[in-house]
Amino acid sequence: MQANMQAILIEDEAALRLATAQTLELGGFTVQACASAEEALPLLRADFPGVIVTDVRLPGRSGLELLAQVTALDAELPVIVVTGHGDVTMAVAAMRSGAYDFIEKPFASERLMDAVRRAQERRTLVLENRELRAARALHPDTPDLIGRSPAIEHLKLLVRNVGPAGVDILINGQTGTGKEVMARLLHAASGRKGNFVAINCGALPESVFESEIFGHEAGAFTGAQKRRIGKLEYANGGTVFLDEIESMPMALQVKLLRVLQERRLERLGANEGVALDCRVVAASKADLLQLSAQGLFREDLYYRIGVVTIDLPRLRERREDIPLLLAHFVQEAALRYQRPLPQWSAQDMAAWQAADWPGNVRELRNFAERLTLGLAPSIPPAASGPAFPAAAVDDAATGASTSLPQQVDNFERDLIAQALAAADGNVALAADNLSVPRKTLYDKLKKYHISTGKK
């Protein structure tokens, strides 16, 4: 759950207002309680990051009138409307007017908290998407960081916090985990107006490396007929992405270290330096500190580029993101190749989520393209141990009349029950195994009425 959860509460009955505010505060919300719609109006703004809970029957403007004003201000700002017992007509009117949900008096605190937490999650997601769209408008080539797993949410937070800071960054990750995607997101978040320049250090022959990176003057060597601006200089005012930096020749590591320390470079054959204003994002699939211990990478360069270090998760460490990623990739492929979207069953998805994916997201993208082209792609071998409960798969596959939210809930319930059984009822251990916060797991145990089996 989000650390910064906010709610505006409008309730004219003082005792109920106090009790409801206390319930929300105990649930982790910062609450601004108001006795009327008029009192709440100055608090409303289009970028309000939380939820509005309002009674319908209020002195002065009604809750429905307030809902209309909120919808005009921001149609995606969630409003939960509280109606009187049996007031079905008013509840229907509220939902048609754009209310996120309605709660009937008298209500249980669990019902209120479930609604406001869902609304807060939606609000947070909406605002994050707006931020990403704004960044993408400035950098239209920036890819998406797709997923809602804790690992991906952590990376999104890092982009927001570290992106504008301007420090040099080292990204660690296996092949296919999205190192360049992360680098482009950091560039977009930096606000820099210069170019994003990607250099694959492993693909450049050593004989041309120095010229490509630092540039050269005319006559610097045989064949250098005119001045050439190097990649670092071309990235001035922007970001340079040094992929596979572990492949950089040792002699050039020394020169790069000096450039990063002084923020000046000299082209080959030049006598004067050029001021350099670019952010450096390096990436490696190897342990640079271990390589430096073996004398294969300069330790001082490692510490210079690794002011901030970001570790990217393997795909099998965020299996819950596979359905979102696959849906995104097949949509791209279907559009590119003018093919219909492929179909798959719940058993198919369960098998794909259990697979090992050694090539990570890149392998999944290739898999999606073959799937869209109807090439019957082979599935990577499954990881050791049951990754997903068979019961959940069977329920999803046979429950054609069950709604999608119900199927998702059934799947999640069975997955949690299996993890809890494997942990012998130890909630903390089960939460670690599921890679979710302990509080989140407790909330879901309560939601699905799952007992830990411990007294």
Protein backbone atom coordinates (compact mmCIF):
# COMPACT_ATOMS: atom_id res chain seq x y z
CA MET A 1 0.00 0.00 0.00
CA GLN A 2 1.10 3.52 -0.71
CA ALA A 3 2.97 5.32 2.05
CA ASN A 4 1.15 8.62 1.40
CA MET A 5 -2.60 7.86 1.49
CA GLN A 6 -4.96 10.82 1.80
CA ALA A 7 -8.70 11.24 2.17
CA ILE A 8 -11.14 14.15 2.29
CA LEU A 9 -14.17 13.18 4.39
CA ILE A 10 -17.44 15.13 4.20
CA GLU A 11 -20.02 14.16 6.86
CA ASP A 12 -22.34 16.58 8.67
CA GLU A 13 -23.09 14.32 11.66
CA ALA A 14 -20.29 15.07 14.14
CA ALA A 15 -20.16 11.67 15.88
CA LEU A 16 -20.12 9.72 12.60
CA ARG A 17 -17.58 12.13 11.12
CA LEU A 18 -15.24 11.53 14.07
CA ALA A 19 -15.68 7.74 13.98
CA THR A 20 -15.18 7.54 10.22
CA ALA A 21 -12.09 9.76 10.35
CA GLN A 22 -10.60 7.57 13.09
CA THR A 23 -11.27 4.43 11.03
CA LEU A 24 -9.48 5.94 8.03
CA GLU A 25 -6.56 7.15 10.15
CA LEU A 26 -6.14 3.71 11.72
CA GLY A 27 -6.02 2.36 8.17
CA GLY A 28 -3.05 4.60 7.37
CA PHE A 29 -4.82 7.57 5.75
CA THR A 30 -4.21 11.25 6.43
CA VAL A 31 -7.74 12.63 6.78
CA GLN A 32 -9.16 16.12 6.27
CA ALA A 33 -12.66 15.99 7.80
CA CYS A 34 -15.31 18.52 6.77
CA ALA A 35 -18.89 19.15 7.94
CA SER A 36 -20.15 20.39 4.57
CA ALA A 37 -19.41 20.42 0.85
CA GLU A 38 -18.69 24.13 1.06
CA GLU A 39 -15.98 23.47 3.66
CA ALA A 40 -14.39 20.83 1.42
CA LEU A 41 -14.33 22.84 -1.82
CA PRO A 42 -11.09 24.77 -1.06
CA LEU A 43 -9.32 21.44 -0.51
CA LEU A 44 -10.15 20.05 -3.96
CA ARG A 45 -7.63 20.25 -6.77
CA ALA A 46 -7.01 18.30 -9.95
CA ASP A 47 -3.77 16.78 -8.66
CA PHE A 48 -5.17 15.71 -5.26
CA PRO A 49 -3.42 12.37 -4.67
CA GLY A 50 -6.09 10.70 -2.55
CA VAL A 51 -9.76 9.78 -2.20
CA ILE A 52 -12.97 11.69 -1.39
CA VAL A 53 -15.61 10.13 0.89
CA THR A 54 -18.85 12.10 1.08
CA ASP A 55 -22.32 11.64 2.48
CA VAL A 56 -25.11 12.34 -0.01
CA ARG A 57 -27.42 14.28 2.29
CA LEU A 58 -25.57 17.35 3.47
CA PRO A 59 -26.58 20.85 4.57
CA GLY A 60 -26.24 23.22 1.65
CA ARG A 61 -24.82 21.48 -1.42
CA SER A 62 -25.52 17.77 -1.57
CA GLY A 63 -22.98 15.03 -2.06
CA LEU A 64 -24.20 14.56 -5.65
CA GLU A 65 -23.61 18.24 -6.37
CA LEU A 66 -20.12 17.91 -4.89
CA LEU A 67 -19.57 14.81 -7.05
CA ALA A 68 -20.47 16.82 -10.16
CA GLN A 69 -17.92 19.50 -9.24
CA VAL A 70 -15.22 16.92 -8.60
CA THR A 71 -15.96 15.20 -11.92
CA ALA A 72 -15.68 18.53 -13.72
CA LEU A 73 -12.38 19.19 -11.95
CA ASP A 74 -10.91 15.71 -12.57
CA ALA A 75 -13.06 12.84 -13.80
CA GLU A 76 -10.49 10.34 -12.49
CA LEU A 77 -10.48 11.62 -8.90
CA PRO A 78 -12.28 8.82 -7.00
CA VAL A 79 -15.35 9.77 -4.97
CA ILE A 80 -16.99 7.26 -2.63
CA VAL A 81 -20.58 8.21 -1.85
CA VAL A 82 -22.28 7.25 1.42
CA THR A 83 -26.05 6.78 1.11
CA GLY A 84 -28.84 6.06 3.56
CA HIS A 85 -30.14 2.53 4.09
CA GLY A 86 -32.37 1.46 1.22
CA ASP A 87 -31.69 4.58 -0.85
CA VAL A 88 -31.05 2.57 -4.00
CA THR A 89 -32.19 5.28 -6.42
CA MET A 90 -29.68 7.76 -5.06
CA ALA A 91 -26.88 5.18 -5.14
CA VAL A 92 -27.61 4.40 -8.80
CA ALA A 93 -27.66 8.13 -9.60
CA ALA A 94 -24.28 8.55 -7.90
CA MET A 95 -22.68 5.70 -9.87
CA ARG A 96 -24.10 7.06 -13.14
CA SER A 97 -22.65 10.47 -12.27
CA GLY A 98 -19.16 9.01 -11.96
CA ALA A 99 -18.82 7.91 -8.33
CA TYR A 100 -16.09 5.33 -7.79
CA ASP A 101 -18.22 3.36 -5.30
CA PHE A 102 -21.07 3.78 -2.84
CA ILE A 103 -21.47 2.58 0.73
CA GLU A 104 -24.79 2.08 2.46
CA LYS A 105 -25.38 3.23 6.05
CA PRO A 106 -24.85 1.68 8.50
CA PHE A 107 -21.57 0.28 7.19
CA ALA A 108 -18.83 -1.89 8.67
CA SER A 109 -15.36 -0.36 8.93
CA GLU A 110 -13.98 -3.22 6.79
CA ARG A 111 -16.35 -2.27 3.95
CA LEU A 112 -15.19 1.34 4.09
CA MET A 113 -11.49 0.46 4.23
CA ASP A 114 -11.75 -1.98 1.33
CA ALA A 115 -13.37 0.70 -0.84
CA VAL A 116 -10.96 3.53 0.03
CA ARG A 117 -7.88 1.32 -0.38
CA ARG A 118 -8.97 0.22 -3.83
CA ALA A 119 -9.76 3.82 -4.72
CA GLN A 120 -6.34 4.97 -3.45
CA GLU A 121 -4.57 2.30 -5.50
CA ARG A 122 -6.45 3.45 -8.58
CA ARG A 123 -5.70 7.12 -7.89
CA THR A 124 -2.00 6.44 -7.42
CA LEU A 125 -1.90 4.48 -10.68
CA VAL A 126 -3.73 7.27 -12.55
CA LEU A 127 -1.29 9.94 -11.34
CA GLU A 128 1.73 7.74 -12.14
CA ASN A 129 0.40 7.19 -15.66
CA ARG A 130 -0.04 10.94 -16.08
CA GLU A 131 3.55 11.52 -15.03
CA LEU A 132 4.74 8.89 -17.48
CA ARG A 133 2.66 10.39 -20.31
CA ALA A 134 4.05 13.84 -19.56
CA ALA A 135 7.61 12.47 -19.64
CA ARG A 136 6.85 10.58 -22.84
CA ALA A 137 5.54 13.77 -24.48
CA LEU A 138 9.01 15.27 -24.00
CA HIS A 139 10.72 12.00 -24.97
CA PRO A 140 8.33 10.14 -27.32
CA ASP A 141 10.80 7.29 -27.85
CA THR A 142 10.88 6.43 -24.15
CA PRO A 143 9.57 2.88 -23.56
CA ASP A 144 7.25 1.85 -20.74
CA LEU A 145 8.30 0.11 -17.54
CA ILE A 146 5.51 -2.45 -17.59
CA GLY A 147 4.40 -4.26 -14.46
CA ARG A 148 2.87 -3.83 -11.02
CA SER A 149 5.04 -6.19 -9.00
CA PRO A 150 6.79 -4.83 -5.90
CA ALA A 151 10.10 -4.99 -7.78
CA ILE A 152 8.78 -2.84 -10.64
CA GLU A 153 7.05 -0.40 -8.28
CA HIS A 154 10.42 0.03 -6.55
CA LEU A 155 12.10 0.77 -9.90
CA LYS A 156 9.43 3.35 -10.78
CA LEU A 157 10.06 5.04 -7.44
CA LEU A 158 13.81 5.07 -8.16
CA VAL A 159 13.21 6.70 -11.55
CA ARG A 160 11.12 9.43 -9.96
CA ASN A 161 13.59 10.06 -7.13
CA VAL A 162 16.95 9.58 -8.87
CA GLY A 163 16.08 10.63 -12.42
CA PRO A 164 16.15 14.40 -11.79
CA ALA A 165 19.21 14.20 -9.50
CA GLY A 166 21.81 14.16 -12.27
CA VAL A 167 24.16 11.66 -10.60
CA ASP A 168 25.95 8.99 -12.63
CA ILE A 169 24.29 5.59 -12.35
CA LEU A 170 25.29 1.95 -12.73
CA ILE A 171 22.57 -0.49 -13.78
CA ASN A 172 23.16 -4.17 -13.02
CA GLY A 173 21.08 -6.82 -14.75
CA GLN A 174 21.13 -10.01 -16.75
CA THR A 175 20.70 -9.97 -20.52
CA GLY A 176 17.16 -8.99 -21.46
CA THR A 177 16.13 -7.45 -18.13
CA GLY A 178 15.68 -3.98 -19.65
CA LYS A 179 18.85 -2.05 -18.88
CA GLU A 180 18.42 0.33 -21.82
CA VAL A 181 14.73 0.79 -20.99
CA MET A 182 15.74 1.89 -17.49
CA ALA A 183 18.43 4.20 -18.89
CA ARG A 184 15.93 5.88 -21.23
CA LEU A 185 13.44 6.33 -18.38
CA LEU A 186 16.15 7.96 -16.26
CA HIS A 187 16.97 10.28 -19.15
CA ALA A 188 13.29 11.22 -19.57
CA ALA A 189 12.95 11.87 -15.83
CA SER A 190 16.12 13.99 -15.78
CA GLY A 191 14.54 16.83 -17.75
CA ARG A 192 17.70 17.11 -19.86
CA LYS A 193 17.11 18.54 -23.31
CA GLY A 194 20.17 16.95 -24.96
CA ASN A 195 20.38 13.64 -26.78
CA PHE A 196 20.18 10.15 -25.35
CA VAL A 197 23.21 8.37 -26.83
CA ALA A 198 23.55 4.60 -26.43
CA ILE A 199 26.96 2.96 -26.84
CA ASN A 200 27.42 -0.80 -26.76
CA CYS A 201 30.96 -1.15 -25.44
CA GLY A 202 30.98 -4.85 -26.33
CA ALA A 203 30.22 -4.22 -30.00
CA LEU A 204 32.97 -1.69 -30.74
CA PRO A 205 36.35 -2.99 -31.97
CA GLU A 206 39.19 -1.73 -29.77
CA SER A 207 40.86 -0.14 -32.79
CA VAL A 208 38.01 2.37 -33.26
CA PHE A 209 36.80 2.58 -29.68
CA GLU A 210 38.67 5.72 -28.67
CA SER A 211 37.69 7.60 -31.82
CA GLU A 212 34.02 6.63 -31.48
CA ILE A 213 33.79 7.60 -27.82
CA PHE A 214 36.02 10.69 -27.65
CA GLY A 215 36.10 11.84 -31.28
CA HIS A 216 39.12 12.96 -33.29
CA GLU A 217 40.59 15.92 -35.14
CA ALA A 218 41.40 15.92 -38.83
CA GLY A 219 44.75 14.18 -39.43
CA ALA A 220 44.78 12.52 -36.01
CA PHE A 221 45.49 9.20 -37.73
CA THR A 222 45.58 7.73 -41.23
CA GLY A 223 42.13 8.13 -42.81
CA ALA A 224 40.99 10.89 -40.41
CA GLN A 225 40.26 13.44 -43.12
CA LYS A 226 37.98 15.67 -41.03
CA ARG A 227 37.04 16.34 -37.44
CA ARG A 228 34.62 13.85 -35.86
CA ILE A 229 32.51 14.53 -32.79
CA GLY A 230 32.59 11.55 -30.44
CA LYS A 231 29.61 9.95 -28.72
CA LEU A 232 30.31 11.62 -25.37
CA GLU A 233 30.44 15.06 -26.92
CA TYR A 234 27.31 14.35 -28.98
CA ALA A 235 25.51 13.58 -25.70
CA ASN A 236 26.37 17.02 -24.29
CA GLY A 237 23.36 18.33 -22.38
CA GLY A 238 21.85 14.84 -22.38
CA THR A 239 22.62 11.30 -21.29
CA VAL A 240 25.17 8.78 -22.51
CA PHE A 241 24.37 5.12 -21.95
CA LEU A 242 27.42 2.85 -21.78
CA ASP A 243 26.08 -0.68 -22.17
CA GLU A 244 28.28 -3.69 -21.35
CA ILE A 245 30.84 -1.37 -19.79
CA GLU A 246 32.68 -4.44 -18.50
CA SER A 247 33.84 -4.91 -22.13
CA MET A 248 35.63 -1.55 -22.26
CA PRO A 249 39.41 -1.96 -22.78
CA MET A 250 41.46 -1.19 -19.64
CA ALA A 251 43.45 1.58 -21.36
CA LEU A 252 40.25 3.41 -22.25
CA GLN A 253 38.85 2.93 -18.76
CA VAL A 254 41.63 5.21 -17.53
CA LYS A 255 40.70 7.89 -20.03
CA LEU A 256 36.98 7.59 -19.27
CA LEU A 257 37.69 7.91 -15.55
CA ARG A 258 39.55 11.15 -16.14
CA VAL A 259 36.72 12.51 -18.31
CA LEU A 260 34.14 11.69 -15.63
CA GLN A 261 36.24 13.28 -12.89
CA GLU A 262 37.04 16.48 -14.80
CA ARG A 263 33.96 16.64 -17.04
CA ARG A 264 36.25 17.55 -19.93
CA LEU A 265 37.43 15.44 -22.85
CA GLU A 266 40.11 15.70 -25.51
CA ARG A 267 39.50 14.48 -29.03
CA LEU A 268 42.24 12.35 -30.56
CA GLY A 269 44.87 14.67 -31.98
CA ALA A 270 43.57 17.73 -30.09
CA ASN A 271 45.52 19.93 -27.69
CA GLU A 272 42.57 21.57 -25.97
CA GLY A 273 39.83 20.01 -23.92
CA VAL A 274 36.08 20.31 -24.46
CA ALA A 275 33.75 20.96 -21.51
CA LEU A 276 31.33 18.09 -21.06
CA ASP A 277 27.87 18.28 -19.50
CA CYS A 278 26.29 14.89 -19.79
CA ARG A 279 24.97 12.33 -17.40
CA VAL A 280 26.55 8.87 -17.61
CA VAL A 281 24.42 5.77 -17.13
CA ALA A 282 26.49 2.60 -17.35
CA ALA A 283 25.18 -0.96 -17.47
CA SER A 284 26.74 -4.32 -16.82
CA LYS A 285 25.61 -7.93 -16.76
CA ALA A 286 28.72 -8.88 -14.76
CA ASP A 287 29.74 -8.15 -11.18
CA LEU A 288 32.14 -5.23 -11.73
CA LEU A 289 33.47 -5.33 -8.18
CA GLN A 290 34.37 -8.99 -8.62
CA LEU A 291 35.99 -8.21 -11.98
CA SER A 292 38.01 -5.42 -10.35
CA ALA A 293 39.24 -7.89 -7.72
CA GLN A 294 40.46 -10.06 -10.59
CA GLY A 295 42.18 -7.11 -12.26
CA LEU A 296 39.73 -7.10 -15.18
CA PHE A 297 38.03 -3.79 -14.37
CA ARG A 298 39.30 -0.63 -12.72
CA GLU A 299 38.04 -0.35 -9.16
CA ASP A 300 38.26 3.46 -9.18
CA LEU A 301 36.07 3.58 -12.30
CA TYR A 302 33.57 1.25 -10.65
CA TYR A 303 33.18 3.60 -7.69
CA ARG A 304 33.02 6.63 -10.00
CA ILE A 305 30.18 5.35 -12.17
CA GLY A 306 28.36 3.63 -9.32
CA VAL A 307 27.32 6.71 -7.34
CA VAL A 308 23.86 5.13 -7.51
CA THR A 309 23.43 1.45 -8.32
CA ILE A 310 20.19 -0.04 -9.66
CA ASP A 311 19.68 -3.81 -9.74
CA LEU A 312 17.13 -5.05 -12.27
CA PRO A 313 15.13 -8.19 -11.36
CA ARG A 314 15.05 -11.25 -13.57
CA LEU A 315 11.69 -12.03 -15.14
CA ARG A 316 11.25 -15.13 -12.98
CA GLU A 317 11.55 -12.89 -9.92
CA ARG A 318 8.44 -10.95 -10.98
CA ARG A 319 6.23 -13.61 -12.53
CA GLU A 320 3.06 -11.67 -11.70
CA ASP A 321 4.06 -9.16 -14.41
CA ILE A 322 4.13 -11.77 -17.20
CA PRO A 323 0.42 -11.41 -18.18
CA LEU A 324 0.78 -7.61 -18.49
CA LEU A 325 4.04 -7.85 -20.42
CA LEU A 326 2.75 -10.53 -22.78
CA ALA A 327 -0.47 -8.61 -23.47
CA HIS A 328 1.58 -5.52 -24.29
CA PHE A 329 4.00 -7.38 -26.57
CA VAL A 330 1.31 -9.27 -28.54
CA GLN A 331 -0.58 -6.02 -29.11
CA GLU A 332 2.58 -4.44 -30.49
CA ALA A 333 3.29 -7.49 -32.66
CA ALA A 334 -0.30 -7.75 -33.94
CA LEU A 335 -0.18 -4.10 -35.00
CA ARG A 336 3.25 -4.45 -36.59
CA TYR A 337 2.47 -7.61 -38.56
CA GLN A 338 -1.24 -6.86 -39.17
CA ARG A 339 -2.27 -10.11 -37.47
CA PRO A 340 -5.18 -10.85 -35.11
CA LEU A 341 -4.43 -11.02 -31.41
CA PRO A 342 -3.57 -14.60 -30.38
CA GLN A 343 -5.73 -16.37 -27.80
CA TRP A 344 -4.57 -18.47 -24.86
CA SER A 345 -6.08 -20.41 -21.99
CA ALA A 346 -5.60 -20.11 -18.25
CA GLN A 347 -3.46 -23.27 -18.39
CA ASP A 348 -1.25 -21.66 -21.03
CA MET A 349 -0.70 -18.56 -18.89
CA ALA A 350 0.01 -20.65 -15.79
CA ALA A 351 2.64 -22.59 -17.73
CA TRP A 352 4.23 -19.40 -19.04
CA GLN A 353 4.31 -17.89 -15.56
CA ALA A 354 5.99 -21.03 -14.24
CA ALA A 355 8.66 -21.04 -16.98
CA ASP A 356 12.28 -20.09 -16.25
CA TRP A 357 12.76 -17.40 -18.99
CA PRO A 358 16.59 -17.29 -19.01
CA GLY A 359 16.45 -14.53 -21.65
CA ASN A 360 14.12 -12.50 -19.41
CA VAL A 361 11.86 -9.81 -20.91
CA ARG A 362 13.66 -9.91 -24.27
CA GLU A 363 12.92 -13.62 -24.55
CA LEU A 364 9.28 -13.00 -23.62
CA ARG A 365 9.02 -10.33 -26.34
CA ASN A 366 10.41 -12.74 -28.95
CA PHE A 367 8.01 -15.41 -27.65
CA ALA A 368 5.08 -12.97 -28.07
CA GLU A 369 6.09 -12.18 -31.66
CA ARG A 370 6.26 -15.87 -32.60
CA LEU A 371 2.95 -16.46 -30.85
CA THR A 372 1.33 -13.63 -32.84
CA LEU A 373 2.76 -15.01 -36.09
CA GLY A 374 1.30 -18.42 -35.30
CA LEU A 375 4.70 -20.13 -35.17
CA ALA A 376 3.90 -22.33 -32.15
CA PRO A 377 6.75 -21.03 -29.98
CA SER A 378 8.51 -23.38 -27.64
CA ILE A 379 8.06 -22.72 -23.93
CA PRO A 380 11.13 -22.42 -21.69
CA PRO A 381 11.44 -25.18 -19.08
CA ALA A 382 9.56 -24.61 -15.85
CA ALA A 383 11.38 -23.41 -12.78
CA SER A 384 11.94 -25.99 -10.05
CA GLY A 385 8.96 -26.47 -7.76
CA PRO A 386 5.29 -25.62 -8.30
CA ALA A 387 5.11 -21.90 -9.05
CA PHE A 388 1.32 -21.71 -9.22
CA PRO A 389 -1.45 -23.83 -7.71
CA ALA A 390 -3.16 -26.20 -10.11
CA ALA A 391 -6.51 -25.61 -8.44
CA ALA A 392 -6.44 -21.97 -9.41
CA VAL A 393 -5.68 -22.85 -13.01
CA ASP A 394 -8.49 -25.40 -13.16
CA ASP A 395 -10.98 -22.96 -11.67
CA ALA A 396 -10.01 -20.25 -14.14
CA ALA A 397 -10.10 -22.64 -17.08
CA THR A 398 -13.48 -24.19 -16.30
CA GLY A 399 -15.22 -21.12 -14.86
CA ALA A 400 -16.34 -19.65 -18.14
CA SER A 401 -19.37 -18.07 -16.47
CA THR A 402 -17.24 -16.52 -13.73
CA SER A 403 -16.29 -12.86 -14.13
CA LEU A 404 -12.65 -11.90 -14.62
CA PRO A 405 -12.36 -10.19 -11.19
CA GLN A 406 -13.75 -13.34 -9.55
CA GLN A 407 -11.29 -15.55 -11.42
CA VAL A 408 -8.41 -13.27 -10.37
CA ASP A 409 -9.59 -13.34 -6.74
CA ASN A 410 -9.89 -17.15 -6.80
CA PHE A 411 -6.42 -17.45 -8.27
CA GLU A 412 -4.91 -15.07 -5.69
CA ARG A 413 -6.71 -16.78 -2.81
CA ASP A 414 -5.41 -20.22 -3.80
CA LEU A 415 -1.89 -18.88 -4.30
CA ILE A 416 -1.87 -17.30 -0.85
CA ALA A 417 -3.30 -20.43 0.77
CA GLN A 418 -0.58 -22.55 -0.84
CA ALA A 419 2.19 -20.16 0.27
CA LEU A 420 0.80 -20.11 3.81
CA ALA A 421 0.66 -23.92 3.93
CA ALA A 422 4.24 -24.14 2.66
CA ALA A 423 5.31 -21.74 5.42
CA ASP A 424 3.47 -23.79 8.06
CA GLY A 425 1.19 -20.86 8.84
CA ASN A 426 4.05 -18.38 9.33
CA VAL A 427 2.67 -15.17 7.80
CA ALA A 428 6.04 -13.37 7.81
CA LEU A 429 7.72 -16.23 5.92
CA ALA A 430 4.81 -16.53 3.48
CA ALA A 431 4.98 -12.78 2.80
CA ASP A 432 8.72 -13.06 2.08
CA ASN A 433 8.14 -16.01 -0.26
CA LEU A 434 5.40 -14.09 -2.11
CA SER A 435 7.54 -10.89 -2.18
CA VAL A 436 4.75 -8.77 -0.69
CA PRO A 437 4.73 -6.56 2.43
CA ARG A 438 3.52 -8.35 5.55
CA LYS A 439 0.67 -5.84 6.02
CA THR A 440 -0.55 -6.49 2.47
CA LEU A 441 -0.66 -10.23 3.13
CA TYR A 442 -2.58 -9.72 6.39
CA ASP A 443 -5.10 -7.57 4.51
CA LYS A 444 -5.56 -10.28 1.89
CA LEU A 445 -5.91 -13.03 4.54
CA LYS A 446 -8.73 -10.99 6.03
CA LYS A 447 -10.27 -10.30 2.61
CA TYR A 448 -10.35 -13.99 1.66
CA HIS A 449 -11.13 -15.28 5.19
CA ILE A 450 -8.00 -17.45 5.20
CA SER A 451 -6.93 -18.82 8.57
CA THR A 452 -3.25 -19.18 9.42
CA GLY A 453 -3.99 -22.36 11.33
CA LYS A 454 -2.20 -21.00 14.39
CA LYS A 455 -3.93 -20.26 17.68
